[in-house]
Amino acid sequence: MHDSKMLKIGPEVENNLLINDLGYFSLKTFSKIQEFGGFFVSRVKSNTVFKIVSINSGPPEITSIVDHNCLKNINKDDFLDRMPKKGVFDLTCSFHIGDERINKVKTPIFQDFRVICAWNPLAKKWQLYITNLSSEIFSADDIHELYRFRWVIELIFKELKGDYDLGKMLLGNEPMAFVHIYSMLLRFIISRDLFCWIVSSTRKNEKSKYTPLLWSKVFAEKALEFLSILNQNLFGTGNVKKRWDKLERSLRHLGKSRNKNEVLTLKFSEIQ
């Protein structure tokens, strides 16, 4: 069963923000979140049908010359086909949430939500986000950043589960479970601090070679060697160069043995 089937929306979402990936996309769920006083941000599924109600903002060179009335009540695909492939549009759109029987007559229920359409020049496609956050408080760029942070958090959990054994924890003793979790978090913090230090000391044209997920795999396997070199007070100053040369050789071997497709996947840690 997918996790989305277990998601229950109730009063507890009031004044809370839910940032969903496409696996949790549901217009009925979004409607419930708003009904209970909560907020949401999500990507829009490509097959979602909706109509334009109004254009709140967009590239000035475009919005200043188009007739906004001609764009009202047209569907998503027609709107995006008419717009030049650039910039960000902040729209109010109408969605068909479902049907309700009123006096034994089946009546469609529509609801307006805010939609951000951002052109991605690298992927050469529109990226669409749906939200009920106010445009007076959160700009279109803010919505994009919020969703980007969701992806960063997901990568952190992937790192903790894959390289720090969070997903393999089989402990019935609650105190021991907390010890295990806290030890993983401490190791994660040390790893990220060391990663930031290494990236900051790297030449600008080489920074893209280093990604958090790839680094976490290296650190999980070579943490003792790294720390023995960095903390000479604990491990002594003898044979530092010898230990460093050995570490460099092992890292080069790790780099060659990594799957190239995996490295490409890690590039998504920087969302466009």
Protein backbone atom coordinates (compact mmCIF):
# COMPACT_ATOMS: atom_id res chain seq x y z
CA MET A 1 0.00 0.00 0.00
CA HIS A 2 1.32 3.44 -0.92
CA ASP A 3 1.86 5.91 1.93
CA SER A 4 -0.68 8.28 0.34
CA LYS A 5 -3.46 5.81 1.26
CA MET A 6 -2.53 6.24 4.92
CA LEU A 7 -2.56 10.05 4.83
CA LYS A 8 -5.48 11.33 6.89
CA ILE A 9 -6.38 15.01 6.83
CA GLY A 10 -8.09 16.49 9.88
CA PRO A 11 -8.01 19.43 12.32
CA GLU A 12 -4.34 18.75 13.14
CA VAL A 13 -3.26 20.36 9.83
CA GLU A 14 -4.53 23.79 10.89
CA ASN A 15 -1.79 26.43 10.38
CA ASN A 16 0.60 23.72 9.14
CA LEU A 17 2.24 23.55 5.72
CA LEU A 18 2.29 20.24 3.82
CA ILE A 19 4.73 19.99 0.91
CA ASN A 20 3.85 16.96 -1.21
CA ASP A 21 5.56 15.14 -4.04
CA LEU A 22 3.57 13.85 -7.01
CA GLY A 23 2.89 10.55 -5.25
CA TYR A 24 0.58 12.43 -2.86
CA PHE A 25 -1.10 14.61 -5.49
CA SER A 26 -4.85 14.72 -4.85
CA LEU A 27 -7.20 17.64 -5.44
CA LYS A 28 -9.62 16.26 -2.84
CA THR A 29 -6.79 16.14 -0.31
CA PHE A 30 -5.83 19.74 -1.10
CA SER A 31 -9.46 20.78 -0.66
CA LYS A 32 -9.56 19.08 2.75
CA ILE A 33 -6.31 20.72 3.84
CA GLN A 34 -7.78 24.13 3.02
CA GLU A 35 -11.07 23.24 4.71
CA PHE A 36 -9.24 22.47 7.97
CA GLY A 37 -7.17 25.67 7.82
CA GLY A 38 -3.93 24.15 6.57
CA PHE A 39 -1.63 25.03 3.69
CA PHE A 40 0.02 23.00 0.94
CA VAL A 41 2.50 23.15 -1.93
CA SER A 42 2.74 20.42 -4.57
CA ARG A 43 3.88 19.81 -8.11
CA VAL A 44 0.99 19.46 -10.58
CA LYS A 45 0.51 16.17 -12.41
CA SER A 46 0.89 16.55 -16.16
CA ASN A 47 -2.59 15.16 -16.89
CA THR A 48 -4.37 17.50 -14.47
CA VAL A 49 -7.12 19.54 -16.14
CA PHE A 50 -7.88 23.08 -14.99
CA LYS A 51 -8.94 26.45 -16.37
CA ILE A 52 -7.39 29.88 -15.99
CA VAL A 53 -9.39 32.28 -13.81
CA SER A 54 -6.92 35.17 -13.71
CA ILE A 55 -3.26 36.06 -14.23
CA ASN A 56 -1.88 37.49 -11.00
CA SER A 57 1.59 38.23 -12.36
CA GLY A 58 4.04 37.27 -15.07
CA PRO A 59 6.90 38.65 -17.17
CA PRO A 60 6.00 42.36 -17.67
CA GLU A 61 6.96 42.31 -21.35
CA ILE A 62 4.30 39.63 -21.88
CA THR A 63 1.51 40.52 -19.44
CA SER A 64 1.54 44.16 -20.57
CA ILE A 65 0.61 43.32 -24.17
CA VAL A 66 -1.75 40.34 -23.87
CA ASP A 67 -5.51 40.66 -23.46
CA HIS A 68 -6.17 39.05 -20.08
CA ASN A 69 -9.86 38.63 -20.87
CA CYS A 70 -9.02 36.41 -23.85
CA LEU A 71 -7.09 34.08 -21.55
CA LYS A 72 -9.86 33.60 -19.01
CA ASN A 73 -11.56 30.19 -18.89
CA ILE A 74 -9.11 28.60 -21.31
CA ASN A 75 -7.55 25.32 -20.23
CA LYS A 76 -4.00 24.83 -19.02
CA ASP A 77 -2.56 23.41 -22.24
CA ASP A 78 -3.96 26.21 -24.41
CA PHE A 79 -2.58 28.84 -22.05
CA LEU A 80 0.92 27.35 -21.96
CA ASP A 81 0.95 26.90 -25.74
CA ARG A 82 0.16 30.59 -26.24
CA MET A 83 2.79 31.86 -23.80
CA PRO A 84 6.44 32.39 -24.82
CA LYS A 85 8.69 29.74 -23.31
CA LYS A 86 10.25 31.87 -20.58
CA GLY A 87 9.60 33.42 -17.20
CA VAL A 88 7.22 32.65 -14.35
CA PHE A 89 3.44 33.08 -14.30
CA ASP A 90 1.40 33.32 -11.12
CA LEU A 91 -2.19 32.25 -11.84
CA THR A 92 -5.49 31.61 -10.14
CA CYS A 93 -7.06 28.49 -11.63
CA SER A 94 -10.29 26.52 -11.29
CA PHE A 95 -10.15 22.77 -10.57
CA HIS A 96 -12.87 20.14 -10.69
CA ILE A 97 -12.70 18.64 -7.19
CA GLY A 98 -15.53 16.15 -7.57
CA ASP A 99 -19.29 15.82 -7.82
CA GLU A 100 -22.01 16.28 -5.22
CA ARG A 101 -25.68 15.31 -5.32
CA ILE A 102 -27.89 18.32 -4.64
CA ASN A 103 -31.64 17.62 -4.75
CA LYS A 104 -30.85 14.30 -6.44
CA VAL A 105 -28.97 16.15 -9.18
CA LYS A 106 -25.28 15.42 -9.72
CA THR A 107 -23.52 18.78 -9.47
CA PRO A 108 -19.81 19.32 -10.24
CA ILE A 109 -17.80 21.04 -7.50
CA PHE A 110 -15.06 23.47 -8.54
CA GLN A 111 -12.46 25.17 -6.39
CA ASP A 112 -9.88 27.87 -7.12
CA PHE A 113 -6.22 27.37 -6.26
CA ARG A 114 -3.08 29.28 -7.03
CA VAL A 115 -0.81 27.82 -9.74
CA ILE A 116 2.80 28.79 -10.46
CA CYS A 117 4.03 28.07 -14.01
CA ALA A 118 7.82 28.31 -14.28
CA TRP A 119 9.71 27.65 -17.51
CA ASN A 120 12.76 25.42 -17.00
CA PRO A 121 15.24 26.26 -19.80
CA LEU A 122 17.43 23.24 -19.03
CA ALA A 123 14.63 20.68 -19.12
CA LYS A 124 12.81 22.75 -21.79
CA LYS A 125 9.43 22.34 -20.15
CA TRP A 126 7.02 24.08 -17.81
CA GLN A 127 7.15 23.20 -14.12
CA LEU A 128 3.79 23.68 -12.41
CA TYR A 129 3.13 24.08 -8.70
CA ILE A 130 -0.24 24.25 -6.94
CA THR A 131 -0.73 25.96 -3.56
CA ASN A 132 -3.17 27.85 -1.37
CA LEU A 133 -0.50 30.12 0.11
CA SER A 134 -1.25 33.81 -0.32
CA SER A 135 0.63 35.66 -3.06
CA GLU A 136 0.80 38.66 -0.70
CA ILE A 137 3.08 36.71 1.64
CA PHE A 138 4.74 34.13 -0.63
CA SER A 139 5.97 35.15 -4.06
CA ALA A 140 6.19 32.72 -6.98
CA ASP A 141 9.93 32.37 -6.31
CA ASP A 142 9.17 31.56 -2.65
CA ILE A 143 6.90 28.69 -3.74
CA HIS A 144 9.66 27.30 -5.95
CA GLU A 145 12.15 27.52 -3.06
CA LEU A 146 9.76 25.80 -0.65
CA TYR A 147 9.42 22.86 -3.00
CA ARG A 148 13.17 22.76 -3.51
CA PHE A 149 13.66 22.44 0.26
CA ARG A 150 11.26 19.48 0.28
CA TRP A 151 13.56 17.71 -2.16
CA VAL A 152 16.61 18.53 -0.02
CA ILE A 153 14.89 16.99 3.03
CA GLU A 154 14.04 13.89 0.98
CA LEU A 155 17.68 13.54 -0.04
CA ILE A 156 18.72 13.77 3.62
CA PHE A 157 16.37 10.91 4.54
CA LYS A 158 17.67 8.91 1.59
CA GLU A 159 21.20 9.47 2.84
CA LEU A 160 20.33 8.47 6.42
CA LYS A 161 18.51 5.34 5.27
CA GLY A 162 21.05 4.27 2.68
CA ASP A 163 24.41 5.11 4.28
CA TYR A 164 23.64 5.26 8.00
CA ASP A 165 21.32 2.23 8.30
CA LEU A 166 18.26 4.18 9.43
CA GLY A 167 16.09 1.96 7.25
CA LYS A 168 17.46 -1.26 8.79
CA MET A 169 16.84 -0.50 12.45
CA LEU A 170 15.29 -3.51 14.22
CA LEU A 171 15.40 -2.50 17.88
CA GLY A 172 12.62 -3.32 20.33
CA ASN A 173 14.26 -1.33 23.12
CA GLU A 174 13.15 2.31 22.84
CA PRO A 175 16.17 3.91 24.65
CA MET A 176 18.56 1.94 22.43
CA ALA A 177 16.61 3.04 19.36
CA PHE A 178 17.08 6.70 20.37
CA VAL A 179 20.80 6.12 20.98
CA HIS A 180 21.06 4.63 17.48
CA ILE A 181 19.16 7.55 15.91
CA TYR A 182 21.17 10.23 17.74
CA SER A 183 24.46 8.55 16.83
CA MET A 184 23.41 8.57 13.16
CA LEU A 185 22.47 12.26 13.36
CA LEU A 186 25.81 13.15 14.98
CA ARG A 187 27.67 11.24 12.27
CA PHE A 188 25.53 13.00 9.65
CA ILE A 189 26.37 16.45 11.10
CA ILE A 190 30.10 15.67 11.16
CA SER A 191 29.90 14.36 7.59
CA ARG A 192 28.10 17.46 6.29
CA ASP A 193 30.48 19.84 8.08
CA LEU A 194 33.43 18.06 6.52
CA PHE A 195 31.70 18.06 3.13
CA CYS A 196 31.12 21.85 3.31
CA TRP A 197 34.75 22.39 4.26
CA ILE A 198 36.01 20.30 1.35
CA VAL A 199 33.70 21.97 -1.19
CA SER A 200 34.59 25.47 0.07
CA SER A 201 38.29 24.72 -0.42
CA THR A 202 37.80 23.28 -3.91
CA ARG A 203 38.32 25.19 -7.14
CA LYS A 204 35.08 26.66 -8.49
CA ASN A 205 35.14 24.67 -11.74
CA GLU A 206 35.45 21.41 -9.77
CA LYS A 207 32.71 21.99 -7.16
CA SER A 208 30.06 20.25 -9.29
CA LYS A 209 32.00 16.98 -8.96
CA TYR A 210 31.09 16.79 -5.28
CA THR A 211 27.49 16.05 -4.29
CA PRO A 212 26.13 15.37 -0.77
CA LEU A 213 24.90 11.85 -1.53
CA LEU A 214 28.11 10.72 -3.19
CA TRP A 215 30.11 12.25 -0.34
CA SER A 216 28.00 10.44 2.28
CA LYS A 217 28.87 7.07 0.70
CA VAL A 218 32.57 7.92 0.76
CA PHE A 219 32.42 9.20 4.35
CA ALA A 220 30.45 6.18 5.58
CA GLU A 221 33.21 3.90 4.27
CA LYS A 222 36.24 6.09 5.07
CA ALA A 223 35.21 8.10 8.16
CA LEU A 224 37.90 6.67 10.44
CA GLU A 225 40.67 7.45 7.96
CA PHE A 226 39.41 11.02 7.45
CA LEU A 227 39.14 11.73 11.16
CA SER A 228 42.48 10.13 11.99
CA ILE A 229 44.16 12.61 9.62
CA LEU A 230 42.17 15.68 10.66
CA ASN A 231 42.40 15.19 14.44
CA GLN A 232 46.11 14.72 15.12
CA ASN A 233 45.68 15.26 18.87
CA LEU A 234 43.88 11.92 19.13
CA PHE A 235 45.71 9.91 16.51
CA GLY A 236 49.21 11.43 16.65
CA THR A 237 51.21 13.20 13.96
CA GLY A 238 53.26 10.23 12.81
CA ASN A 239 52.93 9.06 9.19
CA VAL A 240 50.25 11.66 8.34
CA LYS A 241 51.41 11.93 4.74
CA LYS A 242 51.48 8.15 4.41
CA ARG A 243 47.93 7.86 5.75
CA TRP A 244 46.73 10.69 3.47
CA ASP A 245 48.30 9.09 0.38
CA LYS A 246 46.62 5.79 1.25
CA LEU A 247 43.28 7.55 1.67
CA GLU A 248 43.63 9.34 -1.68
CA ARG A 249 44.35 6.06 -3.45
CA SER A 250 41.31 4.40 -1.90
CA LEU A 251 39.10 7.38 -2.79
CA ARG A 252 40.25 7.26 -6.41
CA HIS A 253 39.40 3.56 -6.45
CA LEU A 254 35.95 4.30 -5.00
CA GLY A 255 35.38 6.99 -7.62
CA LYS A 256 36.19 4.59 -10.47
CA SER A 257 33.95 1.86 -9.06
CA ARG A 258 30.87 4.09 -8.70
CA ASN A 259 28.07 3.65 -11.20
CA LYS A 260 28.04 6.65 -13.55
CA ASN A 261 24.24 6.68 -13.66
CA GLU A 262 24.20 7.09 -9.90
CA VAL A 263 26.38 10.17 -10.15
CA LEU A 264 24.00 11.70 -12.68
CA THR A 265 21.10 11.07 -10.31
CA LEU A 266 22.93 12.94 -7.59
CA LYS A 267 22.96 16.06 -9.75
CA PHE A 268 19.29 16.49 -8.83
CA SER A 269 20.45 17.65 -5.39
CA GLU A 270 20.57 21.06 -7.10
CA ILE A 271 17.01 21.58 -8.31
CA GLN A 272 16.61 23.88 -11.27
